[in-house]
């Protein structure tokens, strides 16, 4: 799969999450990671993003 297609799919996921949960996961995660408050992140979100990233990076 082309890199561009993966990026597009990833962006779709991010927007999809905005619709379901009211936020875009990557924005939340990057903010949290930079503030060092990773343990405050919704575990559901962490799991979803981890799975997504795994698939995304294959």
PDB file of N, CA and C in Angstrom:
ATOM      1  N   UNK A   1       0.844  -1.192   0.000  1.00  0.00           N
ATOM      2  CA  UNK A   1       0.000   0.000   0.000  1.00  0.00           C
ATOM      3  C   UNK A   1       0.886   1.253   0.000  1.00  0.00           C
ATOM      4  N   UNK A   2       0.490   2.200  -0.792  1.00  0.00           N
ATOM      5  CA  UNK A   2       1.267   3.439  -0.860  1.00  0.00           C
ATOM      6  C   UNK A   2       1.166   4.230   0.439  1.00  0.00           C
ATOM      7  N   UNK A   3       2.233   4.908   0.745  1.00  0.00           N
ATOM      8  CA  UNK A   3       2.292   5.734   1.957  1.00  0.00           C
ATOM      9  C   UNK A   3       1.145   6.747   1.995  1.00  0.00           C
ATOM     10  N   UNK A   4       0.870   7.379   0.857  1.00  0.00           N
ATOM     11  CA  UNK A   4      -0.195   8.397   0.794  1.00  0.00           C
ATOM     12  C   UNK A   4      -1.548   7.808   1.198  1.00  0.00           C
ATOM     13  N   UNK A   5      -1.788   6.589   0.763  1.00  0.00           N
ATOM     14  CA  UNK A   5      -3.063   5.931   1.082  1.00  0.00           C
ATOM     15  C   UNK A   5      -3.166   5.698   2.588  1.00  0.00           C
ATOM     16  N   UNK A   6      -2.043   5.329   3.192  1.00  0.00           N
ATOM     17  CA  UNK A   6      -2.047   5.112   4.637  1.00  0.00           C
ATOM     18  C   UNK A   6      -2.317   6.419   5.367  1.00  0.00           C
ATOM     19  N   UNK A   7      -1.688   7.476   4.917  1.00  0.00           N
ATOM     20  CA  UNK A   7      -1.889   8.775   5.548  1.00  0.00           C
ATOM     21  C   UNK A   7      -3.356   9.190   5.426  1.00  0.00           C
ATOM     22  N   UNK A   8      -3.929   8.989   4.250  1.00  0.00           N
ATOM     23  CA  UNK A   8      -5.336   9.343   4.029  1.00  0.00           C
ATOM     24  C   UNK A   8      -6.239   8.542   4.959  1.00  0.00           C
ATOM     25  N   UNK A   9      -5.951   7.249   5.094  1.00  0.00           N
ATOM     26  CA  UNK A   9      -6.754   6.393   5.956  1.00  0.00           C
ATOM     27  C   UNK A   9      -6.629   6.854   7.408  1.00  0.00           C
ATOM     28  N   UNK A  10      -5.448   7.246   7.763  1.00  0.00           N
ATOM     29  CA  UNK A  10      -5.200   7.702   9.121  1.00  0.00           C
ATOM     30  C   UNK A  10      -5.962   8.995   9.399  1.00  0.00           C
ATOM     31  N   UNK A  11      -5.927   9.913   8.448  1.00  0.00           N
ATOM     32  CA  UNK A  11      -6.677  11.165   8.591  1.00  0.00           C
ATOM     33  C   UNK A  11      -8.175  10.877   8.697  1.00  0.00           C
ATOM     34  N   UNK A  12      -8.647   9.932   7.907  1.00  0.00           N
ATOM     35  CA  UNK A  12     -10.058   9.534   7.964  1.00  0.00           C
ATOM     36  C   UNK A  12     -10.416   9.054   9.356  1.00  0.00           C
ATOM     37  N   UNK A  13      -9.542   8.238   9.925  1.00  0.00           N
ATOM     38  CA  UNK A  13      -9.777   7.712  11.264  1.00  0.00           C
ATOM     39  C   UNK A  13      -9.861   8.863  12.269  1.00  0.00           C
ATOM     40  N   UNK A  14      -8.929   9.786  12.128  1.00  0.00           N
ATOM     41  CA  UNK A  14      -8.878  10.921  13.041  1.00  0.00           C
ATOM     42  C   UNK A  14     -10.179  11.720  12.977  1.00  0.00           C
ATOM     43  N   UNK A  15     -10.687  11.943  11.771  1.00  0.00           N
ATOM     44  CA  UNK A  15     -11.927  12.694  11.586  1.00  0.00           C
ATOM     45  C   UNK A  15     -13.139  11.885  12.050  1.00  0.00           C
ATOM     46  N   UNK A  16     -13.094  10.602  11.795  1.00  0.00           N
ATOM     47  CA  UNK A  16     -14.131   9.669  12.229  1.00  0.00           C
ATOM     48  C   UNK A  16     -14.278   9.740  13.756  1.00  0.00           C
ATOM     49  N   UNK A  17     -13.156   9.745  14.452  1.00  0.00           N
ATOM     50  CA  UNK A  17     -13.149   9.819  15.905  1.00  0.00           C
ATOM     51  C   UNK A  17     -13.709  11.146  16.385  1.00  0.00           C
ATOM     52  N   UNK A  18     -13.453  12.178  15.635  1.00  0.00           N
ATOM     53  CA  UNK A  18     -13.984  13.492  15.995  1.00  0.00           C
ATOM     54  C   UNK A  18     -15.505  13.408  16.057  1.00  0.00           C
ATOM     55  N   UNK A  19     -16.092  12.702  15.100  1.00  0.00           N
ATOM     56  CA  UNK A  19     -17.530  12.514  15.063  1.00  0.00           C
ATOM     57  C   UNK A  19     -18.051  11.676  16.225  1.00  0.00           C
ATOM     58  N   UNK A  20     -17.334  10.621  16.590  1.00  0.00           N
ATOM     59  CA  UNK A  20     -17.805   9.715  17.639  1.00  0.00           C
ATOM     60  C   UNK A  20     -17.526  10.254  19.031  1.00  0.00           C
ATOM     61  N   UNK A  21     -16.306  10.665  19.257  1.00  0.00           N
ATOM     62  CA  UNK A  21     -15.864  11.004  20.606  1.00  0.00           C
ATOM     63  C   UNK A  21     -15.748  12.508  20.836  1.00  0.00           C
ATOM     64  N   UNK A  22     -15.800  13.283  19.748  1.00  0.00           N
ATOM     65  CA  UNK A  22     -15.720  14.727  19.900  1.00  0.00           C
ATOM     66  C   UNK A  22     -14.303  15.273  19.959  1.00  0.00           C
ATOM     67  N   UNK A  23     -13.328  14.431  19.634  1.00  0.00           N
ATOM     68  CA  UNK A  23     -11.957  14.936  19.547  1.00  0.00           C
ATOM     69  C   UNK A  23     -11.164  14.125  18.533  1.00  0.00           C
ATOM     70  N   UNK A  24     -10.067  14.691  18.109  1.00  0.00           N
ATOM     71  CA  UNK A  24      -9.190  13.981  17.174  1.00  0.00           C
ATOM     72  C   UNK A  24      -8.053  13.367  17.988  1.00  0.00           C
ATOM     73  N   UNK A  25      -7.953  12.034  17.985  1.00  0.00           N
ATOM     74  CA  UNK A  25      -7.014  11.317  18.858  1.00  0.00           C
ATOM     75  C   UNK A  25      -5.584  11.831  18.810  1.00  0.00           C
ATOM     76  N   UNK A  26      -5.083  12.118  17.631  1.00  0.00           N
ATOM     77  CA  UNK A  26      -3.680  12.475  17.549  1.00  0.00           C
ATOM     78  C   UNK A  26      -3.397  13.818  18.200  1.00  0.00           C
ATOM     79  N   UNK A  27      -4.350  14.723  18.148  1.00  0.00           N
ATOM     80  CA  UNK A  27      -4.157  16.010  18.813  1.00  0.00           C
ATOM     81  C   UNK A  27      -4.086  15.806  20.322  1.00  0.00           C
ATOM     82  N   UNK A  28      -5.013  15.004  20.825  1.00  0.00           N
ATOM     83  CA  UNK A  28      -5.030  14.695  22.262  1.00  0.00           C
ATOM     84  C   UNK A  28      -3.725  14.025  22.665  1.00  0.00           C
ATOM     85  N   UNK A  29      -3.319  13.012  21.912  1.00  0.00           N
ATOM     86  CA  UNK A  29      -2.138  12.254  22.298  1.00  0.00           C
ATOM     87  C   UNK A  29      -0.881  13.092  22.225  1.00  0.00           C
ATOM     88  N   UNK A  30      -0.758  13.925  21.193  1.00  0.00           N
ATOM     89  CA  UNK A  30       0.464  14.721  21.099  1.00  0.00           C
ATOM     90  C   UNK A  30       0.517  15.760  22.215  1.00  0.00           C
ATOM     91  N   UNK A  31      -0.625  16.358  22.538  1.00  0.00           N
ATOM     92  CA  UNK A  31      -0.665  17.310  23.655  1.00  0.00           C
ATOM     93  C   UNK A  31      -0.311  16.626  24.971  1.00  0.00           C
ATOM     94  N   UNK A  32      -0.893  15.445  25.175  1.00  0.00           N
ATOM     95  CA  UNK A  32      -0.681  14.736  26.435  1.00  0.00           C
ATOM     96  C   UNK A  32       0.752  14.266  26.563  1.00  0.00           C
ATOM     97  N   UNK A  33       1.283  13.751  25.473  1.00  0.00           N
ATOM     98  CA  UNK A  33       2.657  13.261  25.507  1.00  0.00           C
ATOM     99  C   UNK A  33       3.603  14.414  25.837  1.00  0.00           C
ATOM    100  N   UNK A  34       3.351  15.567  25.244  1.00  0.00           N
ATOM    101  CA  UNK A  34       4.259  16.695  25.485  1.00  0.00           C
ATOM    102  C   UNK A  34       4.114  17.245  26.911  1.00  0.00           C
ATOM    103  N   UNK A  35       2.946  17.049  27.512  1.00  0.00           N
ATOM    104  CA  UNK A  35       2.757  17.551  28.877  1.00  0.00           C
ATOM    105  C   UNK A  35       3.139  16.496  29.918  1.00  0.00           C
ATOM    106  N   UNK A  36       3.439  15.280  29.454  1.00  0.00           N
ATOM    107  CA  UNK A  36       3.846  14.214  30.370  1.00  0.00           C
ATOM    108  C   UNK A  36       2.702  13.631  31.172  1.00  0.00           C
ATOM    109  N   UNK A  37       1.467  13.810  30.700  1.00  0.00           N
ATOM    110  CA  UNK A  37       0.307  13.317  31.452  1.00  0.00           C
ATOM    111  C   UNK A  37      -0.359  12.137  30.764  1.00  0.00           C
ATOM    112  N   UNK A  38       0.459  11.248  30.215  1.00  0.00           N
ATOM    113  CA  UNK A  38      -0.055  10.138  29.425  1.00  0.00           C
ATOM    114  C   UNK A  38      -1.041   9.284  30.213  1.00  0.00           C
ATOM    115  N   UNK A  39      -0.844   9.166  31.520  1.00  0.00           N
ATOM    116  CA  UNK A  39      -1.740   8.308  32.313  1.00  0.00           C
ATOM    117  C   UNK A  39      -3.149   8.894  32.422  1.00  0.00           C
ATOM    118  N   UNK A  40      -3.306  10.175  32.079  1.00  0.00           N
ATOM    119  CA  UNK A  40      -4.630  10.797  32.119  1.00  0.00           C
ATOM    120  C   UNK A  40      -5.465  10.518  30.868  1.00  0.00           C
ATOM    121  N   UNK A  41      -4.831   9.941  29.852  1.00  0.00           N
ATOM    122  CA  UNK A  41      -5.566   9.697  28.608  1.00  0.00           C
ATOM    123  C   UNK A  41      -6.526   8.524  28.773  1.00  0.00           C
ATOM    124  N   UNK A  42      -7.702   8.679  28.232  1.00  0.00           N
ATOM    125  CA  UNK A  42      -8.710   7.623  28.177  1.00  0.00           C
ATOM    126  C   UNK A  42      -8.074   6.309  27.683  1.00  0.00           C
ATOM    127  N   UNK A  43      -8.130   5.239  28.486  1.00  0.00           N
ATOM    128  CA  UNK A  43      -7.514   3.962  28.091  1.00  0.00           C
ATOM    129  C   UNK A  43      -8.071   3.429  26.772  1.00  0.00           C
ATOM    130  N   UNK A  44      -9.359   3.647  26.546  1.00  0.00           N
ATOM    131  CA  UNK A  44      -9.976   3.219  25.289  1.00  0.00           C
ATOM    132  C   UNK A  44      -9.269   3.878  24.111  1.00  0.00           C
ATOM    133  N   UNK A  45      -9.025   5.164  24.249  1.00  0.00           N
ATOM    134  CA  UNK A  45      -8.357   5.921  23.195  1.00  0.00           C
ATOM    135  C   UNK A  45      -6.940   5.408  22.971  1.00  0.00           C
ATOM    136  N   UNK A  46      -6.225   5.185  24.069  1.00  0.00           N
ATOM    137  CA  UNK A  46      -4.847   4.695  23.953  1.00  0.00           C
ATOM    138  C   UNK A  46      -4.816   3.378  23.189  1.00  0.00           C
ATOM    139  N   UNK A  47      -5.727   2.476  23.549  1.00  0.00           N
ATOM    140  CA  UNK A  47      -5.776   1.168  22.906  1.00  0.00           C
ATOM    141  C   UNK A  47      -6.106   1.295  21.427  1.00  0.00           C
ATOM    142  N   UNK A  48      -7.136   2.079  21.118  1.00  0.00           N
ATOM    143  CA  UNK A  48      -7.556   2.269  19.715  1.00  0.00           C
ATOM    144  C   UNK A  48      -6.412   2.833  18.890  1.00  0.00           C
ATOM    145  N   UNK A  49      -5.766   3.863  19.419  1.00  0.00           N
ATOM    146  CA  UNK A  49      -4.707   4.517  18.668  1.00  0.00           C
ATOM    147  C   UNK A  49      -3.511   3.586  18.511  1.00  0.00           C
ATOM    148  N   UNK A  50      -3.227   2.814  19.553  1.00  0.00           N
ATOM    149  CA  UNK A  50      -2.122   1.859  19.461  1.00  0.00           C
ATOM    150  C   UNK A  50      -2.379   0.843  18.353  1.00  0.00           C
ATOM    151  N   UNK A  51      -3.589   0.309  18.318  1.00  0.00           N
ATOM    152  CA  UNK A  51      -3.945  -0.665  17.284  1.00  0.00           C
ATOM    153  C   UNK A  51      -3.877  -0.017  15.912  1.00  0.00           C
ATOM    154  N   UNK A  52      -4.444   1.177  15.828  1.00  0.00           N
ATOM    155  CA  UNK A  52      -4.434   1.886  14.555  1.00  0.00           C
ATOM    156  C   UNK A  52      -3.007   2.147  14.084  1.00  0.00           C
ATOM    157  N   UNK A  53      -2.168   2.605  14.984  1.00  0.00           N
ATOM    158  CA  UNK A  53      -0.790   2.926  14.615  1.00  0.00           C
ATOM    159  C   UNK A  53      -0.060   1.665  14.153  1.00  0.00           C
ATOM    160  N   UNK A  54      -0.316   0.555  14.835  1.00  0.00           N
ATOM    161  CA  UNK A  54       0.295  -0.710  14.440  1.00  0.00           C
ATOM    162  C   UNK A  54      -0.066  -1.051  12.996  1.00  0.00           C
ATOM    163  N   UNK A  55      -1.360  -0.958  12.684  1.00  0.00           N
ATOM    164  CA  UNK A  55      -1.829  -1.249  11.335  1.00  0.00           C
ATOM    165  C   UNK A  55      -1.303  -0.229  10.344  1.00  0.00           C
ATOM    166  N   UNK A  56      -1.292   1.009  10.783  1.00  0.00           N
ATOM    167  CA  UNK A  56      -0.872   2.126   9.949  1.00  0.00           C
ATOM    168  C   UNK A  56       0.589   1.981   9.536  1.00  0.00           C
ATOM    169  N   UNK A  57       1.417   1.510  10.463  1.00  0.00           N
ATOM    170  CA  UNK A  57       2.858   1.470  10.208  1.00  0.00           C
ATOM    171  C   UNK A  57       3.318   0.193   9.514  1.00  0.00           C
ATOM    172  N   UNK A  58       2.404  -0.750   9.309  1.00  0.00           N
ATOM    173  CA  UNK A  58       2.779  -2.004   8.645  1.00  0.00           C
ATOM    174  C   UNK A  58       3.209  -1.751   7.214  1.00  0.00           C
TER     175      UNK A  58
END
